[in-house]
Amino acid sequence: MMEPSGRAALVTGGGRGIGAAIALRLARDGADVAVTYVRAPDRAAEVVRGIEAAGRRGLAIRADAADPRAVAAAVDRAAAEFGRLDVLVNNAGIAPYGPLEDVSAEEVDRTLAIHVRAAFVAAQAASRHLGPGGRIVNIGSSLAERVPYPGWTLYAMSKSALTGLTRGLARDLGPRGITANVVQPGSTDTEMNPADSPDAEFERGFTALGRYGRADEVAAMVSHLAGPGGGYVTGASIAVDGGYAA
């Protein structure tokens, strides 16, 4: 049996990169999948076509993760369109980087809104739809576990908050048979952090495997957690980082 077969999922920020890979993997494994996006509707539409090519229903929803009402509405719409919601993947994110002294209060607020508040609001909204066997997977970062070079204080802080959120969700939702976990990707070859960027060799040097990860490798872990194999895993922080935090 395909792991998330017959289930319905929502992947925030699913129009590109890791989010797109997760959406397509869940569809190939048998789930109907909705994705949210902010810009580039053509990219989101391409992901939906890929979902449909896998024989599943797809849906693209425009929702800015910085807007809590839009986030909650996206969850409710996905559940209404599919008639159920079984899996929530909080993936939408940005990558603020720069000297500590240059970080503005506005940048702090926006980063926390997208990485932390949106994940909380989406989980809260999803909890009204998820039944026994429901899954919440938060996409964090290896920088939540280890920050080996400067410039990432704000990003690391925001992604670290997902660990506490995940543990709280595991306790709150566990009695209902719903799991919550956080996946911590390392350097992954995407548009946001390409494996051929000027800093790529530097980043590869921090991994035990000496290479960038692939988005499909992160997606495989998410799919495992979303299916029967993840049924007894909750409150966990799982690294998919090539040994970055080893």
C-alpha atoms as a PDB file:
ATOM      1  CA  MET A   1       0.000   0.000   0.000  1.00  0.00           C
ATOM      2  CA  MET A   2       1.293   3.460  -0.862  1.00  0.00           C
ATOM      3  CA  GLU A   3       2.034   5.212   2.377  1.00  0.00           C
ATOM      4  CA  PRO A   4      -0.314   8.258   2.421  1.00  0.00           C
ATOM      5  CA  SER A   5      -2.768   6.575   0.016  1.00  0.00           C
ATOM      6  CA  GLY A   6      -6.317   7.927  -0.028  1.00  0.00           C
ATOM      7  CA  ARG A   7      -5.433  10.889   2.162  1.00  0.00           C
ATOM      8  CA  ALA A   8      -5.640  14.652   1.657  1.00  0.00           C
ATOM      9  CA  ALA A   9      -2.738  16.988   2.362  1.00  0.00           C
ATOM     10  CA  LEU A  10      -1.906  20.682   2.426  1.00  0.00           C
ATOM     11  CA  VAL A  11       1.675  21.826   1.820  1.00  0.00           C
ATOM     12  CA  THR A  12       2.297  25.507   2.498  1.00  0.00           C
ATOM     13  CA  GLY A  13       4.820  27.124   0.198  1.00  0.00           C
ATOM     14  CA  GLY A  14       4.384  24.179  -2.142  1.00  0.00           C
ATOM     15  CA  GLY A  15       4.948  26.022  -5.406  1.00  0.00           C
ATOM     16  CA  ARG A  16       8.693  25.510  -5.552  1.00  0.00           C
ATOM     17  CA  GLY A  17      11.743  23.927  -3.980  1.00  0.00           C
ATOM     18  CA  ILE A  18      11.336  21.544  -1.070  1.00  0.00           C
ATOM     19  CA  GLY A  19       7.618  22.281  -0.824  1.00  0.00           C
ATOM     20  CA  ALA A  20       7.008  21.319  -4.451  1.00  0.00           C
ATOM     21  CA  ALA A  21       9.020  18.115  -4.007  1.00  0.00           C
ATOM     22  CA  ILE A  22       6.949  17.222  -0.938  1.00  0.00           C
ATOM     23  CA  ALA A  23       3.663  17.902  -2.719  1.00  0.00           C
ATOM     24  CA  LEU A  24       4.631  15.767  -5.710  1.00  0.00           C
ATOM     25  CA  ARG A  25       5.926  12.918  -3.532  1.00  0.00           C
ATOM     26  CA  LEU A  26       2.720  12.832  -1.480  1.00  0.00           C
ATOM     27  CA  ALA A  27       0.706  12.748  -4.705  1.00  0.00           C
ATOM     28  CA  ARG A  28       2.785   9.912  -6.140  1.00  0.00           C
ATOM     29  CA  ASP A  29       2.206   8.038  -2.888  1.00  0.00           C
ATOM     30  CA  GLY A  30      -1.538   8.417  -3.268  1.00  0.00           C
ATOM     31  CA  ALA A  31      -2.622  11.670  -1.595  1.00  0.00           C
ATOM     32  CA  ASP A  32      -4.701  14.545  -2.923  1.00  0.00           C
ATOM     33  CA  VAL A  33      -2.595  17.656  -2.348  1.00  0.00           C
ATOM     34  CA  ALA A  34      -3.229  21.386  -2.031  1.00  0.00           C
ATOM     35  CA  VAL A  35      -0.346  23.852  -2.123  1.00  0.00           C
ATOM     36  CA  THR A  36      -0.170  27.481  -1.113  1.00  0.00           C
ATOM     37  CA  TYR A  37       1.856  30.144  -2.884  1.00  0.00           C
ATOM     38  CA  VAL A  38       2.321  33.911  -2.725  1.00  0.00           C
ATOM     39  CA  ARG A  39       3.835  34.782  -6.098  1.00  0.00           C
ATOM     40  CA  ALA A  40       4.387  32.873  -9.340  1.00  0.00           C
ATOM     41  CA  PRO A  41       0.967  31.285  -9.851  1.00  0.00           C
ATOM     42  CA  ASP A  42       2.388  29.603 -12.947  1.00  0.00           C
ATOM     43  CA  ARG A  43       4.823  27.657 -10.795  1.00  0.00           C
ATOM     44  CA  ALA A  44       2.041  26.562  -8.436  1.00  0.00           C
ATOM     45  CA  ALA A  45      -0.068  25.560 -11.421  1.00  0.00           C
ATOM     46  CA  GLU A  46       2.824  23.440 -12.702  1.00  0.00           C
ATOM     47  CA  VAL A  47       2.947  21.596  -9.371  1.00  0.00           C
ATOM     48  CA  VAL A  48      -0.810  21.017  -9.540  1.00  0.00           C
ATOM     49  CA  ARG A  49      -0.397  19.549 -13.025  1.00  0.00           C
ATOM     50  CA  GLY A  50       2.237  17.206 -11.616  1.00  0.00           C
ATOM     51  CA  ILE A  51      -0.143  16.155  -8.836  1.00  0.00           C
ATOM     52  CA  GLU A  52      -2.881  15.486 -11.361  1.00  0.00           C
ATOM     53  CA  ALA A  53      -0.472  13.558 -13.596  1.00  0.00           C
ATOM     54  CA  ALA A  54       0.009  11.232 -10.623  1.00  0.00           C
ATOM     55  CA  GLY A  55      -3.735  10.571 -10.702  1.00  0.00           C
ATOM     56  CA  ARG A  56      -4.611  12.679  -7.674  1.00  0.00           C
ATOM     57  CA  ARG A  57      -6.558  15.883  -7.130  1.00  0.00           C
ATOM     58  CA  GLY A  58      -4.472  19.063  -6.880  1.00  0.00           C
ATOM     59  CA  LEU A  59      -5.279  22.575  -5.726  1.00  0.00           C
ATOM     60  CA  ALA A  60      -3.298  25.822  -5.650  1.00  0.00           C
ATOM     61  CA  ILE A  61      -4.311  28.432  -3.075  1.00  0.00           C
ATOM     62  CA  ARG A  62      -2.851  31.916  -2.941  1.00  0.00           C
ATOM     63  CA  ALA A  63      -2.078  32.649   0.721  1.00  0.00           C
ATOM     64  CA  ASP A  64       0.618  34.849   2.213  1.00  0.00           C
ATOM     65  CA  ALA A  65       2.067  33.078   5.245  1.00  0.00           C
ATOM     66  CA  ALA A  66       2.529  36.491   6.872  1.00  0.00           C
ATOM     67  CA  ASP A  67      -1.274  36.904   6.970  1.00  0.00           C
ATOM     68  CA  PRO A  68      -2.786  34.658   9.684  1.00  0.00           C
ATOM     69  CA  ARG A  69      -6.309  34.955   8.273  1.00  0.00           C
ATOM     70  CA  ALA A  70      -5.113  33.829   4.854  1.00  0.00           C
ATOM     71  CA  VAL A  71      -3.288  30.884   6.421  1.00  0.00           C
ATOM     72  CA  ALA A  72      -6.343  29.670   8.343  1.00  0.00           C
ATOM     73  CA  ALA A  73      -8.552  30.188   5.301  1.00  0.00           C
ATOM     74  CA  ALA A  74      -6.207  28.093   3.160  1.00  0.00           C
ATOM     75  CA  VAL A  75      -6.451  25.198   5.615  1.00  0.00           C
ATOM     76  CA  ASP A  76     -10.226  25.391   5.688  1.00  0.00           C
ATOM     77  CA  ARG A  77     -10.446  25.633   1.891  1.00  0.00           C
ATOM     78  CA  ALA A  78      -8.230  22.582   1.359  1.00  0.00           C
ATOM     79  CA  ALA A  79     -10.379  20.577   3.774  1.00  0.00           C
ATOM     80  CA  ALA A  80     -13.572  21.763   2.076  1.00  0.00           C
ATOM     81  CA  GLU A  81     -12.344  21.030  -1.469  1.00  0.00           C
ATOM     82  CA  PHE A  82     -11.110  17.550  -0.610  1.00  0.00           C
ATOM     83  CA  GLY A  83     -13.826  16.741   1.906  1.00  0.00           C
ATOM     84  CA  ARG A  84     -11.191  15.956   4.525  1.00  0.00           C
ATOM     85  CA  LEU A  85      -7.702  16.873   5.700  1.00  0.00           C
ATOM     86  CA  ASP A  86      -5.218  14.288   6.934  1.00  0.00           C
ATOM     87  CA  VAL A  87      -1.788  15.877   6.527  1.00  0.00           C
ATOM     88  CA  LEU A  88      -0.497  19.405   7.103  1.00  0.00           C
ATOM     89  CA  VAL A  89       3.041  20.281   6.047  1.00  0.00           C
ATOM     90  CA  ASN A  90       4.189  23.708   7.256  1.00  0.00           C
ATOM     91  CA  ASN A  91       6.894  24.488   4.726  1.00  0.00           C
ATOM     92  CA  ALA A  92       6.484  28.151   3.693  1.00  0.00           C
ATOM     93  CA  GLY A  93       9.558  30.146   4.549  1.00  0.00           C
ATOM     94  CA  ILE A  94      12.061  32.863   3.764  1.00  0.00           C
ATOM     95  CA  ALA A  95      15.816  33.086   4.322  1.00  0.00           C
ATOM     96  CA  PRO A  96      16.791  36.302   6.118  1.00  0.00           C
ATOM     97  CA  TYR A  97      20.560  36.657   6.235  1.00  0.00           C
ATOM     98  CA  GLY A  98      22.933  39.417   7.250  1.00  0.00           C
ATOM     99  CA  PRO A  99      24.902  41.037  10.057  1.00  0.00           C
ATOM    100  CA  LEU A 100      23.119  41.078  13.397  1.00  0.00           C
ATOM    101  CA  GLU A 101      23.420  44.844  13.702  1.00  0.00           C
ATOM    102  CA  ASP A 102      21.590  45.345  10.392  1.00  0.00           C
ATOM    103  CA  VAL A 103      18.490  43.309  11.258  1.00  0.00           C
ATOM    104  CA  SER A 104      15.441  45.558  11.577  1.00  0.00           C
ATOM    105  CA  ALA A 105      12.489  45.097  13.870  1.00  0.00           C
ATOM    106  CA  GLU A 106      10.277  44.808  10.792  1.00  0.00           C
ATOM    107  CA  GLU A 107      12.411  41.941   9.470  1.00  0.00           C
ATOM    108  CA  VAL A 108      12.178  40.175  12.825  1.00  0.00           C
ATOM    109  CA  ASP A 109       8.399  40.530  12.853  1.00  0.00           C
ATOM    110  CA  ARG A 110       7.981  39.276   9.280  1.00  0.00           C
ATOM    111  CA  THR A 111      10.294  36.296   9.783  1.00  0.00           C
ATOM    112  CA  LEU A 112       8.547  35.195  12.965  1.00  0.00           C
ATOM    113  CA  ALA A 113       5.170  35.719  11.321  1.00  0.00           C
ATOM    114  CA  ILE A 114       6.052  33.440   8.397  1.00  0.00           C
ATOM    115  CA  HIS A 115       8.067  30.774  10.199  1.00  0.00           C
ATOM    116  CA  VAL A 116       6.378  30.607  13.591  1.00  0.00           C
ATOM    117  CA  ARG A 117       2.970  32.257  13.722  1.00  0.00           C
ATOM    118  CA  ALA A 118       1.867  30.807  10.382  1.00  0.00           C
ATOM    119  CA  ALA A 119       2.841  27.291  11.481  1.00  0.00           C
ATOM    120  CA  PHE A 120       0.922  27.734  14.735  1.00  0.00           C
ATOM    121  CA  VAL A 121      -2.159  29.162  13.015  1.00  0.00           C
ATOM    122  CA  ALA A 122      -2.152  26.453  10.337  1.00  0.00           C
ATOM    123  CA  ALA A 123      -1.799  23.707  12.947  1.00  0.00           C
ATOM    124  CA  GLN A 124      -4.567  25.246  15.028  1.00  0.00           C
ATOM    125  CA  ALA A 125      -6.881  25.422  12.006  1.00  0.00           C
ATOM    126  CA  ALA A 126      -5.916  21.924  10.849  1.00  0.00           C
ATOM    127  CA  SER A 127      -6.636  20.483  14.295  1.00  0.00           C
ATOM    128  CA  ARG A 128     -10.321  21.155  13.654  1.00  0.00           C
ATOM    129  CA  HIS A 129     -10.224  18.887  10.594  1.00  0.00           C
ATOM    130  CA  LEU A 130      -7.651  16.203  11.402  1.00  0.00           C
ATOM    131  CA  GLY A 131      -8.913  12.896  12.725  1.00  0.00           C
ATOM    132  CA  PRO A 132      -7.128   9.891  14.210  1.00  0.00           C
ATOM    133  CA  GLY A 133      -4.051   9.181  12.108  1.00  0.00           C
ATOM    134  CA  GLY A 134      -3.674  12.853  11.211  1.00  0.00           C
ATOM    135  CA  ARG A 135      -0.197  14.223  10.668  1.00  0.00           C
ATOM    136  CA  ILE A 136       1.490  17.600  11.094  1.00  0.00           C
ATOM    137  CA  VAL A 137       5.013  17.967   9.731  1.00  0.00           C
ATOM    138  CA  ASN A 138       6.898  21.216  10.247  1.00  0.00           C
ATOM    139  CA  ILE A 139       9.878  21.985   8.017  1.00  0.00           C
ATOM    140  CA  GLY A 140      12.659  23.468  10.107  1.00  0.00           C
ATOM    141  CA  SER A 141      16.360  23.756   9.343  1.00  0.00           C
ATOM    142  CA  SER A 142      19.690  22.279  10.342  1.00  0.00           C
ATOM    143  CA  LEU A 143      20.541  25.806  11.492  1.00  0.00           C
ATOM    144  CA  ALA A 144      18.136  25.220  14.376  1.00  0.00           C
ATOM    145  CA  GLU A 145      20.614  22.595  15.619  1.00  0.00           C
ATOM    146  CA  ARG A 146      23.952  24.117  14.686  1.00  0.00           C
ATOM    147  CA  VAL A 147      24.977  27.610  13.523  1.00  0.00           C
ATOM    148  CA  PRO A 148      28.637  27.355  12.432  1.00  0.00           C
ATOM    149  CA  TYR A 149      28.978  30.771  10.795  1.00  0.00           C
ATOM    150  CA  PRO A 150      27.564  34.296  11.332  1.00  0.00           C
ATOM    151  CA  GLY A 151      24.648  36.037   9.702  1.00  0.00           C
ATOM    152  CA  TRP A 152      21.888  33.543  10.478  1.00  0.00           C
ATOM    153  CA  THR A 153      20.791  34.554  13.987  1.00  0.00           C
ATOM    154  CA  LEU A 154      17.250  35.590  13.024  1.00  0.00           C
ATOM    155  CA  TYR A 155      16.705  32.579  10.762  1.00  0.00           C
ATOM    156  CA  ALA A 156      18.060  30.130  13.334  1.00  0.00           C
ATOM    157  CA  MET A 157      15.921  31.658  16.085  1.00  0.00           C
ATOM    158  CA  SER A 158      12.754  31.382  14.022  1.00  0.00           C
ATOM    159  CA  LYS A 159      13.400  27.793  12.946  1.00  0.00           C
ATOM    160  CA  SER A 160      14.335  26.765  16.487  1.00  0.00           C
ATOM    161  CA  ALA A 161      10.887  27.856  17.644  1.00  0.00           C
ATOM    162  CA  LEU A 162       9.380  25.076  15.529  1.00  0.00           C
ATOM    163  CA  THR A 163      10.915  22.489  17.837  1.00  0.00           C
ATOM    164  CA  GLY A 164       8.962  23.807  20.816  1.00  0.00           C
ATOM    165  CA  LEU A 165       5.827  24.168  18.707  1.00  0.00           C
ATOM    166  CA  THR A 166       6.147  20.576  17.533  1.00  0.00           C
ATOM    167  CA  ARG A 167       6.567  19.178  21.020  1.00  0.00           C
ATOM    168  CA  GLY A 168       3.570  21.120  22.265  1.00  0.00           C
ATOM    169  CA  LEU A 169       1.441  19.938  19.354  1.00  0.00           C
ATOM    170  CA  ALA A 170       2.499  16.347  19.996  1.00  0.00           C
ATOM    171  CA  ARG A 171       1.209  16.588  23.566  1.00  0.00           C
ATOM    172  CA  ASP A 172      -1.974  18.490  22.718  1.00  0.00           C
ATOM    173  CA  LEU A 173      -2.962  16.290  19.781  1.00  0.00           C
ATOM    174  CA  GLY A 174      -1.532  12.925  20.811  1.00  0.00           C
ATOM    175  CA  PRO A 175      -4.663  11.857  22.725  1.00  0.00           C
ATOM    176  CA  ARG A 176      -6.563  12.233  19.442  1.00  0.00           C
ATOM    177  CA  GLY A 177      -4.123   9.982  17.568  1.00  0.00           C
ATOM    178  CA  ILE A 178      -2.536  12.896  15.677  1.00  0.00           C
ATOM    179  CA  THR A 179       1.247  13.147  15.381  1.00  0.00           C
ATOM    180  CA  ALA A 180       3.466  16.217  15.000  1.00  0.00           C
ATOM    181  CA  ASN A 181       7.117  16.207  13.978  1.00  0.00           C
ATOM    182  CA  VAL A 182       9.716  18.621  12.647  1.00  0.00           C
ATOM    183  CA  VAL A 183      12.081  17.754   9.799  1.00  0.00           C
ATOM    184  CA  GLN A 184      15.380  19.656   9.769  1.00  0.00           C
ATOM    185  CA  PRO A 185      16.830  19.827   6.238  1.00  0.00           C
ATOM    186  CA  GLY A 186      20.461  20.743   5.731  1.00  0.00           C
ATOM    187  CA  SER A 187      21.858  22.458   2.632  1.00  0.00           C
ATOM    188  CA  THR A 188      19.445  21.366  -0.073  1.00  0.00           C
ATOM    189  CA  ASP A 189      19.802  22.056  -3.774  1.00  0.00           C
ATOM    190  CA  THR A 190      16.960  24.487  -4.534  1.00  0.00           C
ATOM    191  CA  GLU A 191      16.558  27.917  -6.106  1.00  0.00           C
ATOM    192  CA  MET A 192      16.960  29.427  -2.656  1.00  0.00           C
ATOM    193  CA  ASN A 193      20.271  27.640  -2.048  1.00  0.00           C
ATOM    194  CA  PRO A 194      21.639  26.131  -5.281  1.00  0.00           C
ATOM    195  CA  ALA A 195      24.393  23.533  -5.124  1.00  0.00           C
ATOM    196  CA  ASP A 196      26.430  25.586  -7.610  1.00  0.00           C
ATOM    197  CA  SER A 197      26.306  28.864  -5.686  1.00  0.00           C
ATOM    198  CA  PRO A 198      29.535  30.664  -4.705  1.00  0.00           C
ATOM    199  CA  ASP A 199      29.147  29.442  -1.106  1.00  0.00           C
ATOM    200  CA  ALA A 200      28.197  25.861  -1.963  1.00  0.00           C
ATOM    201  CA  GLU A 201      31.642  24.351  -1.453  1.00  0.00           C
ATOM    202  CA  PHE A 202      31.880  26.068   1.920  1.00  0.00           C
ATOM    203  CA  GLU A 203      28.520  24.611   2.977  1.00  0.00           C
ATOM    204  CA  ARG A 204      29.352  21.128   1.735  1.00  0.00           C
ATOM    205  CA  GLY A 205      32.383  21.165   4.011  1.00  0.00           C
ATOM    206  CA  PHE A 206      30.113  21.136   7.083  1.00  0.00           C
ATOM    207  CA  THR A 207      28.379  17.894   6.118  1.00  0.00           C
ATOM    208  CA  ALA A 208      29.577  14.378   6.876  1.00  0.00           C
ATOM    209  CA  LEU A 209      28.592  13.214   3.375  1.00  0.00           C
ATOM    210  CA  GLY A 210      30.292  16.109   1.602  1.00  0.00           C
ATOM    211  CA  ARG A 211      27.368  17.003  -0.636  1.00  0.00           C
ATOM    212  CA  TYR A 212      24.150  18.960  -0.857  1.00  0.00           C
ATOM    213  CA  GLY A 213      20.891  17.177  -0.232  1.00  0.00           C
ATOM    214  CA  ARG A 214      18.152  16.809  -2.819  1.00  0.00           C
ATOM    215  CA  ALA A 215      14.635  18.093  -2.286  1.00  0.00           C
ATOM    216  CA  ASP A 216      13.270  14.617  -2.968  1.00  0.00           C
ATOM    217  CA  GLU A 217      15.287  13.262  -0.024  1.00  0.00           C
ATOM    218  CA  VAL A 218      13.506  15.657   2.321  1.00  0.00           C
ATOM    219  CA  ALA A 219      10.207  14.768   0.652  1.00  0.00           C
ATOM    220  CA  ALA A 220      10.822  11.069   1.256  1.00  0.00           C
ATOM    221  CA  MET A 221      11.118  11.665   5.001  1.00  0.00           C
ATOM    222  CA  VAL A 222       7.961  13.759   5.053  1.00  0.00           C
ATOM    223  CA  SER A 223       6.071  11.080   3.134  1.00  0.00           C
ATOM    224  CA  HIS A 224       7.238   8.443   5.603  1.00  0.00           C
ATOM    225  CA  LEU A 225       6.004  10.520   8.539  1.00  0.00           C
ATOM    226  CA  ALA A 226       2.719  11.174   6.722  1.00  0.00           C
ATOM    227  CA  GLY A 227       2.031   7.478   6.250  1.00  0.00           C
ATOM    228  CA  PRO A 228       1.620   4.374   8.406  1.00  0.00           C
ATOM    229  CA  GLY A 229       5.364   4.159   8.994  1.00  0.00           C
ATOM    230  CA  GLY A 230       5.227   7.394  10.980  1.00  0.00           C
ATOM    231  CA  GLY A 231       2.384   6.307  13.209  1.00  0.00           C
ATOM    232  CA  TYR A 232       4.458   5.960  16.373  1.00  0.00           C
ATOM    233  CA  VAL A 233       6.743   8.952  15.781  1.00  0.00           C
ATOM    234  CA  THR A 234       5.673  12.208  17.385  1.00  0.00           C
ATOM    235  CA  GLY A 235       7.301  15.207  19.009  1.00  0.00           C
ATOM    236  CA  ALA A 236      10.513  14.319  17.179  1.00  0.00           C
ATOM    237  CA  SER A 237      13.118  16.487  15.457  1.00  0.00           C
ATOM    238  CA  ILE A 238      14.489  14.543  12.487  1.00  0.00           C
ATOM    239  CA  ALA A 239      17.594  15.670  10.611  1.00  0.00           C
ATOM    240  CA  VAL A 240      17.852  15.230   6.849  1.00  0.00           C
ATOM    241  CA  ASP A 241      21.145  17.083   6.645  1.00  0.00           C
ATOM    242  CA  GLY A 242      23.900  14.730   5.487  1.00  0.00           C
ATOM    243  CA  GLY A 243      25.429  14.761   8.955  1.00  0.00           C
ATOM    244  CA  TYR A 244      25.578  18.560   9.239  1.00  0.00           C
ATOM    245  CA  ALA A 245      24.630  18.441  12.918  1.00  0.00           C
ATOM    246  CA  ALA A 246      26.545  15.247  13.688  1.00  0.00           C
END
